[in-house]
């Protein structure tokens, strides 16, 4: 028996509510996997065009420590 056939047997015993939840979960997972797969195969310049400005409202900043680290002197 294949994994697919096992899954079919299990879903036959599920309530309608659980089947709907399973479908929603599978749909979300499939959409995510398709998006990742699509990004793997687009040319780099198209990827840059799609993601350009994605951090415009949330710029990257390096938080500096308030005091410099105390280091041992070099002998």
PDB file of N, CA and C in Angstrom:
ATOM      1  N   UNK A   1       0.852  -1.178   0.000  1.00  0.00           N
ATOM      2  CA  UNK A   1       0.000   0.000   0.000  1.00  0.00           C
ATOM      3  C   UNK A   1       0.901   1.247   0.000  1.00  0.00           C
ATOM      4  N   UNK A   2       0.544   2.215  -0.817  1.00  0.00           N
ATOM      5  CA  UNK A   2       1.348   3.427  -0.921  1.00  0.00           C
ATOM      6  C   UNK A   2       0.942   4.431   0.157  1.00  0.00           C
ATOM      7  N   UNK A   3       1.781   5.408   0.327  1.00  0.00           N
ATOM      8  CA  UNK A   3       1.498   6.478   1.286  1.00  0.00           C
ATOM      9  C   UNK A   3       0.217   7.210   0.905  1.00  0.00           C
ATOM     10  N   UNK A   4       0.010   7.394  -0.389  1.00  0.00           N
ATOM     11  CA  UNK A   4      -1.200   8.049  -0.886  1.00  0.00           C
ATOM     12  C   UNK A   4      -2.445   7.259  -0.496  1.00  0.00           C
ATOM     13  N   UNK A   5      -2.405   5.957  -0.691  1.00  0.00           N
ATOM     14  CA  UNK A   5      -3.546   5.109  -0.331  1.00  0.00           C
ATOM     15  C   UNK A   5      -3.794   5.121   1.177  1.00  0.00           C
ATOM     16  N   UNK A   6      -2.710   5.139   1.959  1.00  0.00           N
ATOM     17  CA  UNK A   6      -2.848   5.242   3.420  1.00  0.00           C
ATOM     18  C   UNK A   6      -3.539   6.544   3.801  1.00  0.00           C
ATOM     19  N   UNK A   7      -3.137   7.629   3.153  1.00  0.00           N
ATOM     20  CA  UNK A   7      -3.735   8.931   3.449  1.00  0.00           C
ATOM     21  C   UNK A   7      -5.215   8.946   3.088  1.00  0.00           C
ATOM     22  N   UNK A   8      -5.563   8.333   1.964  1.00  0.00           N
ATOM     23  CA  UNK A   8      -6.974   8.265   1.576  1.00  0.00           C
ATOM     24  C   UNK A   8      -7.808   7.517   2.608  1.00  0.00           C
ATOM     25  N   UNK A   9      -7.300   6.414   3.102  1.00  0.00           N
ATOM     26  CA  UNK A   9      -8.026   5.650   4.111  1.00  0.00           C
ATOM     27  C   UNK A   9      -8.207   6.467   5.391  1.00  0.00           C
ATOM     28  N   UNK A  10      -7.176   7.212   5.769  1.00  0.00           N
ATOM     29  CA  UNK A  10      -7.276   8.027   6.973  1.00  0.00           C
ATOM     30  C   UNK A  10      -8.283   9.158   6.798  1.00  0.00           C
ATOM     31  N   UNK A  11      -8.296   9.776   5.614  1.00  0.00           N
ATOM     32  CA  UNK A  11      -9.224  10.888   5.416  1.00  0.00           C
ATOM     33  C   UNK A  11     -10.677  10.417   5.339  1.00  0.00           C
ATOM     34  N   UNK A  12     -10.897   9.188   4.931  1.00  0.00           N
ATOM     35  CA  UNK A  12     -12.265   8.662   4.900  1.00  0.00           C
ATOM     36  C   UNK A  12     -12.870   8.588   6.306  1.00  0.00           C
ATOM     37  N   UNK A  13     -12.024   8.470   7.321  1.00  0.00           N
ATOM     38  CA  UNK A  13     -12.512   8.375   8.698  1.00  0.00           C
ATOM     39  C   UNK A  13     -12.612   9.729   9.394  1.00  0.00           C
ATOM     40  N   UNK A  14     -12.205  10.795   8.715  1.00  0.00           N
ATOM     41  CA  UNK A  14     -12.189  12.126   9.335  1.00  0.00           C
ATOM     42  C   UNK A  14     -13.556  12.796   9.241  1.00  0.00           C
ATOM     43  N   UNK A  15     -13.785  13.706  10.186  1.00  0.00           N
ATOM     44  CA  UNK A  15     -15.017  14.501  10.131  1.00  0.00           C
ATOM     45  C   UNK A  15     -14.874  15.563   9.040  1.00  0.00           C
ATOM     46  N   UNK A  16     -15.979  16.138   8.643  1.00  0.00           N
ATOM     47  CA  UNK A  16     -15.951  17.178   7.603  1.00  0.00           C
ATOM     48  C   UNK A  16     -15.101  18.363   8.056  1.00  0.00           C
ATOM     49  N   UNK A  17     -15.215  18.752   9.307  1.00  0.00           N
ATOM     50  CA  UNK A  17     -14.428  19.863   9.845  1.00  0.00           C
ATOM     51  C   UNK A  17     -12.932  19.577   9.734  1.00  0.00           C
ATOM     52  N   UNK A  18     -12.524  18.363  10.096  1.00  0.00           N
ATOM     53  CA  UNK A  18     -11.110  18.007  10.019  1.00  0.00           C
ATOM     54  C   UNK A  18     -10.625  17.940   8.572  1.00  0.00           C
ATOM     55  N   UNK A  19     -11.495  17.489   7.669  1.00  0.00           N
ATOM     56  CA  UNK A  19     -11.131  17.466   6.248  1.00  0.00           C
ATOM     57  C   UNK A  19     -10.900  18.876   5.717  1.00  0.00           C
ATOM     58  N   UNK A  20     -11.738  19.808   6.132  1.00  0.00           N
ATOM     59  CA  UNK A  20     -11.574  21.202   5.704  1.00  0.00           C
ATOM     60  C   UNK A  20     -10.267  21.760   6.243  1.00  0.00           C
ATOM     61  N   UNK A  21      -9.968  21.500   7.514  1.00  0.00           N
ATOM     62  CA  UNK A  21      -8.703  21.971   8.096  1.00  0.00           C
ATOM     63  C   UNK A  21      -7.507  21.372   7.362  1.00  0.00           C
ATOM     64  N   UNK A  22      -7.599  20.093   7.019  1.00  0.00           N
ATOM     65  CA  UNK A  22      -6.525  19.438   6.283  1.00  0.00           C
ATOM     66  C   UNK A  22      -6.337  20.074   4.911  1.00  0.00           C
ATOM     67  N   UNK A  23      -7.442  20.346   4.225  1.00  0.00           N
ATOM     68  CA  UNK A  23      -7.359  20.985   2.902  1.00  0.00           C
ATOM     69  C   UNK A  23      -6.732  22.370   2.993  1.00  0.00           C
ATOM     70  N   UNK A  24      -7.101  23.136   4.006  1.00  0.00           N
ATOM     71  CA  UNK A  24      -6.520  24.466   4.183  1.00  0.00           C
ATOM     72  C   UNK A  24      -5.020  24.360   4.437  1.00  0.00           C
ATOM     73  N   UNK A  25      -4.636  23.416   5.268  1.00  0.00           N
ATOM     74  CA  UNK A  25      -3.212  23.221   5.577  1.00  0.00           C
ATOM     75  C   UNK A  25      -2.444  22.816   4.313  1.00  0.00           C
ATOM     76  N   UNK A  26      -2.966  21.839   3.569  1.00  0.00           N
ATOM     77  CA  UNK A  26      -2.306  21.396   2.349  1.00  0.00           C
ATOM     78  C   UNK A  26      -2.211  22.518   1.320  1.00  0.00           C
ATOM     79  N   UNK A  27      -3.258  23.321   1.213  1.00  0.00           N
ATOM     80  CA  UNK A  27      -3.254  24.437   0.279  1.00  0.00           C
ATOM     81  C   UNK A  27      -2.174  25.451   0.637  1.00  0.00           C
ATOM     82  N   UNK A  28      -2.072  25.778   1.910  1.00  0.00           N
ATOM     83  CA  UNK A  28      -1.055  26.726   2.364  1.00  0.00           C
ATOM     84  C   UNK A  28       0.344  26.193   2.103  1.00  0.00           C
ATOM     85  N   UNK A  29       0.563  24.927   2.428  1.00  0.00           N
ATOM     86  CA  UNK A  29       1.879  24.327   2.221  1.00  0.00           C
ATOM     87  C   UNK A  29       2.236  24.282   0.734  1.00  0.00           C
ATOM     88  N   UNK A  30       1.279  23.935  -0.112  1.00  0.00           N
ATOM     89  CA  UNK A  30       1.528  23.845  -1.537  1.00  0.00           C
ATOM     90  C   UNK A  30       1.848  25.210  -2.138  1.00  0.00           C
ATOM     91  N   UNK A  31       1.113  26.246  -1.720  1.00  0.00           N
ATOM     92  CA  UNK A  31       1.389  27.596  -2.210  1.00  0.00           C
ATOM     93  C   UNK A  31       2.802  28.024  -1.839  1.00  0.00           C
ATOM     94  N   UNK A  32       3.195  27.730  -0.608  1.00  0.00           N
ATOM     95  CA  UNK A  32       4.530  28.088  -0.144  1.00  0.00           C
ATOM     96  C   UNK A  32       5.602  27.368  -0.952  1.00  0.00           C
ATOM     97  N   UNK A  33       5.417  26.077  -1.166  1.00  0.00           N
ATOM     98  CA  UNK A  33       6.401  25.308  -1.932  1.00  0.00           C
ATOM     99  C   UNK A  33       6.479  25.779  -3.376  1.00  0.00           C
ATOM    100  N   UNK A  34       5.347  26.137  -3.965  1.00  0.00           N
ATOM    101  CA  UNK A  34       5.344  26.639  -5.342  1.00  0.00           C
ATOM    102  C   UNK A  34       6.071  27.975  -5.447  1.00  0.00           C
ATOM    103  N   UNK A  35       5.880  28.848  -4.455  1.00  0.00           N
ATOM    104  CA  UNK A  35       6.570  30.138  -4.471  1.00  0.00           C
ATOM    105  C   UNK A  35       8.077  29.941  -4.369  1.00  0.00           C
ATOM    106  N   UNK A  36       8.506  29.068  -3.478  1.00  0.00           N
ATOM    107  CA  UNK A  36       9.946  28.809  -3.322  1.00  0.00           C
ATOM    108  C   UNK A  36      10.512  28.242  -4.611  1.00  0.00           C
ATOM    109  N   UNK A  37       9.811  27.297  -5.197  1.00  0.00           N
ATOM    110  CA  UNK A  37      10.267  26.682  -6.445  1.00  0.00           C
ATOM    111  C   UNK A  37      10.340  27.707  -7.571  1.00  0.00           C
ATOM    112  N   UNK A  38       9.373  28.614  -7.633  1.00  0.00           N
ATOM    113  CA  UNK A  38       9.382  29.646  -8.669  1.00  0.00           C
ATOM    114  C   UNK A  38      10.579  30.578  -8.501  1.00  0.00           C
ATOM    115  N   UNK A  39      10.888  30.958  -7.260  1.00  0.00           N
ATOM    116  CA  UNK A  39      12.027  31.847  -7.022  1.00  0.00           C
ATOM    117  C   UNK A  39      13.348  31.171  -7.347  1.00  0.00           C
ATOM    118  N   UNK A  40      13.409  29.862  -7.248  1.00  0.00           N
ATOM    119  CA  UNK A  40      14.647  29.153  -7.567  1.00  0.00           C
ATOM    120  C   UNK A  40      14.978  29.223  -9.051  1.00  0.00           C
ATOM    121  N   UNK A  41      13.968  29.424  -9.886  1.00  0.00           N
ATOM    122  CA  UNK A  41      14.183  29.317 -11.323  1.00  0.00           C
ATOM    123  C   UNK A  41      14.077  30.643 -12.079  1.00  0.00           C
ATOM    124  N   UNK A  42      13.892  31.754 -11.371  1.00  0.00           N
ATOM    125  CA  UNK A  42      13.843  33.023 -12.093  1.00  0.00           C
ATOM    126  C   UNK A  42      15.258  33.593 -12.220  1.00  0.00           C
ATOM    127  N   UNK A  43      15.518  34.335 -13.278  1.00  0.00           N
ATOM    128  CA  UNK A  43      16.832  34.962 -13.444  1.00  0.00           C
ATOM    129  C   UNK A  43      17.109  35.953 -12.305  1.00  0.00           C
ATOM    130  N   UNK A  44      18.384  36.127 -11.962  1.00  0.00           N
ATOM    131  CA  UNK A  44      18.745  36.960 -10.816  1.00  0.00           C
ATOM    132  C   UNK A  44      18.265  38.389 -10.980  1.00  0.00           C
ATOM    133  N   UNK A  45      18.329  38.941 -12.200  1.00  0.00           N
ATOM    134  CA  UNK A  45      17.920  40.337 -12.381  1.00  0.00           C
ATOM    135  C   UNK A  45      16.412  40.503 -12.185  1.00  0.00           C
ATOM    136  N   UNK A  46      15.627  39.500 -12.520  1.00  0.00           N
ATOM    137  CA  UNK A  46      14.184  39.563 -12.263  1.00  0.00           C
ATOM    138  C   UNK A  46      13.917  39.463 -10.759  1.00  0.00           C
ATOM    139  N   UNK A  47      14.701  38.645 -10.050  1.00  0.00           N
ATOM    140  CA  UNK A  47      14.564  38.545  -8.606  1.00  0.00           C
ATOM    141  C   UNK A  47      14.839  39.893  -7.944  1.00  0.00           C
ATOM    142  N   UNK A  48      15.890  40.583  -8.401  1.00  0.00           N
ATOM    143  CA  UNK A  48      16.224  41.902  -7.856  1.00  0.00           C
ATOM    144  C   UNK A  48      15.086  42.884  -8.127  1.00  0.00           C
ATOM    145  N   UNK A  49      14.537  42.852  -9.323  1.00  0.00           N
ATOM    146  CA  UNK A  49      13.424  43.746  -9.657  1.00  0.00           C
ATOM    147  C   UNK A  49      12.215  43.483  -8.758  1.00  0.00           C
ATOM    148  N   UNK A  50      11.952  42.210  -8.447  1.00  0.00           N
ATOM    149  CA  UNK A  50      10.800  41.863  -7.609  1.00  0.00           C
ATOM    150  C   UNK A  50      10.991  42.255  -6.144  1.00  0.00           C
ATOM    151  N   UNK A  51      12.239  42.191  -5.681  1.00  0.00           N
ATOM    152  CA  UNK A  51      12.486  42.439  -4.255  1.00  0.00           C
ATOM    153  C   UNK A  51      13.036  43.824  -3.960  1.00  0.00           C
ATOM    154  N   UNK A  52      13.324  44.601  -5.002  1.00  0.00           N
ATOM    155  CA  UNK A  52      13.883  45.937  -4.805  1.00  0.00           C
ATOM    156  C   UNK A  52      12.935  46.784  -3.951  1.00  0.00           C
ATOM    157  N   UNK A  53      13.487  47.397  -2.923  1.00  0.00           N
ATOM    158  CA  UNK A  53      12.708  48.288  -2.079  1.00  0.00           C
ATOM    159  C   UNK A  53      11.882  47.586  -1.017  1.00  0.00           C
ATOM    160  N   UNK A  54      12.060  46.271  -0.865  1.00  0.00           N
ATOM    161  CA  UNK A  54      11.238  45.546   0.104  1.00  0.00           C
ATOM    162  C   UNK A  54      11.551  45.949   1.547  1.00  0.00           C
ATOM    163  N   UNK A  55      12.725  46.522   1.793  1.00  0.00           N
ATOM    164  CA  UNK A  55      13.080  46.966   3.139  1.00  0.00           C
ATOM    165  C   UNK A  55      13.070  48.489   3.262  1.00  0.00           C
ATOM    166  N   UNK A  56      12.424  49.157   2.356  1.00  0.00           N
ATOM    167  CA  UNK A  56      12.426  50.623   2.355  1.00  0.00           C
ATOM    168  C   UNK A  56      11.804  51.192   3.628  1.00  0.00           C
ATOM    169  N   UNK A  57      10.768  50.543   4.137  1.00  0.00           N
ATOM    170  CA  UNK A  57      10.110  51.034   5.349  1.00  0.00           C
ATOM    171  C   UNK A  57      10.750  50.505   6.618  1.00  0.00           C
ATOM    172  N   UNK A  58      11.689  49.591   6.481  1.00  0.00           N
ATOM    173  CA  UNK A  58      12.333  48.984   7.641  1.00  0.00           C
ATOM    174  C   UNK A  58      13.835  48.883   7.369  1.00  0.00           C
ATOM    175  N   UNK A  59      14.529  50.026   7.391  1.00  0.00           N
ATOM    176  CA  UNK A  59      15.945  49.995   7.032  1.00  0.00           C
ATOM    177  C   UNK A  59      16.776  49.178   8.019  1.00  0.00           C
ATOM    178  N   UNK A  60      17.836  48.599   7.502  1.00  0.00           N
ATOM    179  CA  UNK A  60      18.746  47.826   8.341  1.00  0.00           C
ATOM    180  C   UNK A  60      19.626  48.790   9.128  1.00  0.00           C
ATOM    181  N   UNK A  61      19.720  48.567  10.423  1.00  0.00           N
ATOM    182  CA  UNK A  61      20.569  49.396  11.273  1.00  0.00           C
ATOM    183  C   UNK A  61      21.372  48.492  12.183  1.00  0.00           C
ATOM    184  N   UNK A  62      22.594  48.895  12.439  1.00  0.00           N
ATOM    185  CA  UNK A  62      23.435  48.155  13.366  1.00  0.00           C
ATOM    186  C   UNK A  62      23.375  48.845  14.712  1.00  0.00           C
ATOM    187  N   UNK A  63      22.931  48.144  15.715  1.00  0.00           N
ATOM    188  CA  UNK A  63      22.849  48.701  17.060  1.00  0.00           C
ATOM    189  C   UNK A  63      24.242  48.674  17.702  1.00  0.00           C
ATOM    190  N   UNK A  64      24.769  49.841  17.996  1.00  0.00           N
ATOM    191  CA  UNK A  64      26.086  49.936  18.603  1.00  0.00           C
ATOM    192  C   UNK A  64      25.971  49.765  20.114  1.00  0.00           C
ATOM    193  N   UNK A  65      26.925  49.077  20.721  1.00  0.00           N
ATOM    194  CA  UNK A  65      26.900  48.958  22.189  1.00  0.00           C
ATOM    195  C   UNK A  65      27.142  50.325  22.829  1.00  0.00           C
ATOM    196  N   UNK A  66      26.627  50.521  24.029  1.00  0.00           N
ATOM    197  CA  UNK A  66      26.789  51.797  24.715  1.00  0.00           C
ATOM    198  C   UNK A  66      28.241  52.044  25.097  1.00  0.00           C
ATOM    199  N   UNK A  67      28.957  50.997  25.462  1.00  0.00           N
ATOM    200  CA  UNK A  67      30.358  51.157  25.854  1.00  0.00           C
ATOM    201  C   UNK A  67      31.194  50.181  25.015  1.00  0.00           C
ATOM    202  N   UNK A  68      32.404  50.614  24.735  1.00  0.00           N
ATOM    203  CA  UNK A  68      33.305  49.733  23.995  1.00  0.00           C
ATOM    204  C   UNK A  68      33.698  48.540  24.876  1.00  0.00           C
ATOM    205  N   UNK A  69      33.936  47.410  24.236  1.00  0.00           N
ATOM    206  CA  UNK A  69      34.357  46.227  24.965  1.00  0.00           C
ATOM    207  C   UNK A  69      35.726  46.479  25.597  1.00  0.00           C
ATOM    208  N   UNK A  70      35.940  45.941  26.778  1.00  0.00           N
ATOM    209  CA  UNK A  70      37.240  46.037  27.438  1.00  0.00           C
ATOM    210  C   UNK A  70      38.058  44.827  26.996  1.00  0.00           C
ATOM    211  N   UNK A  71      39.180  45.117  26.398  1.00  0.00           N
ATOM    212  CA  UNK A  71      40.039  44.049  25.850  1.00  0.00           C
ATOM    213  C   UNK A  71      41.342  43.978  26.626  1.00  0.00           C
ATOM    214  N   UNK A  72      41.904  42.801  26.652  1.00  0.00           N
ATOM    215  CA  UNK A  72      43.220  42.634  27.263  1.00  0.00           C
ATOM    216  C   UNK A  72      44.262  43.292  26.370  1.00  0.00           C
ATOM    217  N   UNK A  73      45.282  43.845  26.993  1.00  0.00           N
ATOM    218  CA  UNK A  73      46.332  44.480  26.218  1.00  0.00           C
ATOM    219  C   UNK A  73      47.186  43.417  25.537  1.00  0.00           C
ATOM    220  N   UNK A  74      47.687  43.753  24.364  1.00  0.00           N
ATOM    221  CA  UNK A  74      48.578  42.848  23.640  1.00  0.00           C
ATOM    222  C   UNK A  74      49.965  42.975  24.240  1.00  0.00           C
ATOM    223  N   UNK A  75      50.578  41.862  24.557  1.00  0.00           N
ATOM    224  CA  UNK A  75      51.912  41.900  25.166  1.00  0.00           C
ATOM    225  C   UNK A  75      52.979  41.702  24.155  1.00  0.00           C
TER     226      UNK A  75
END
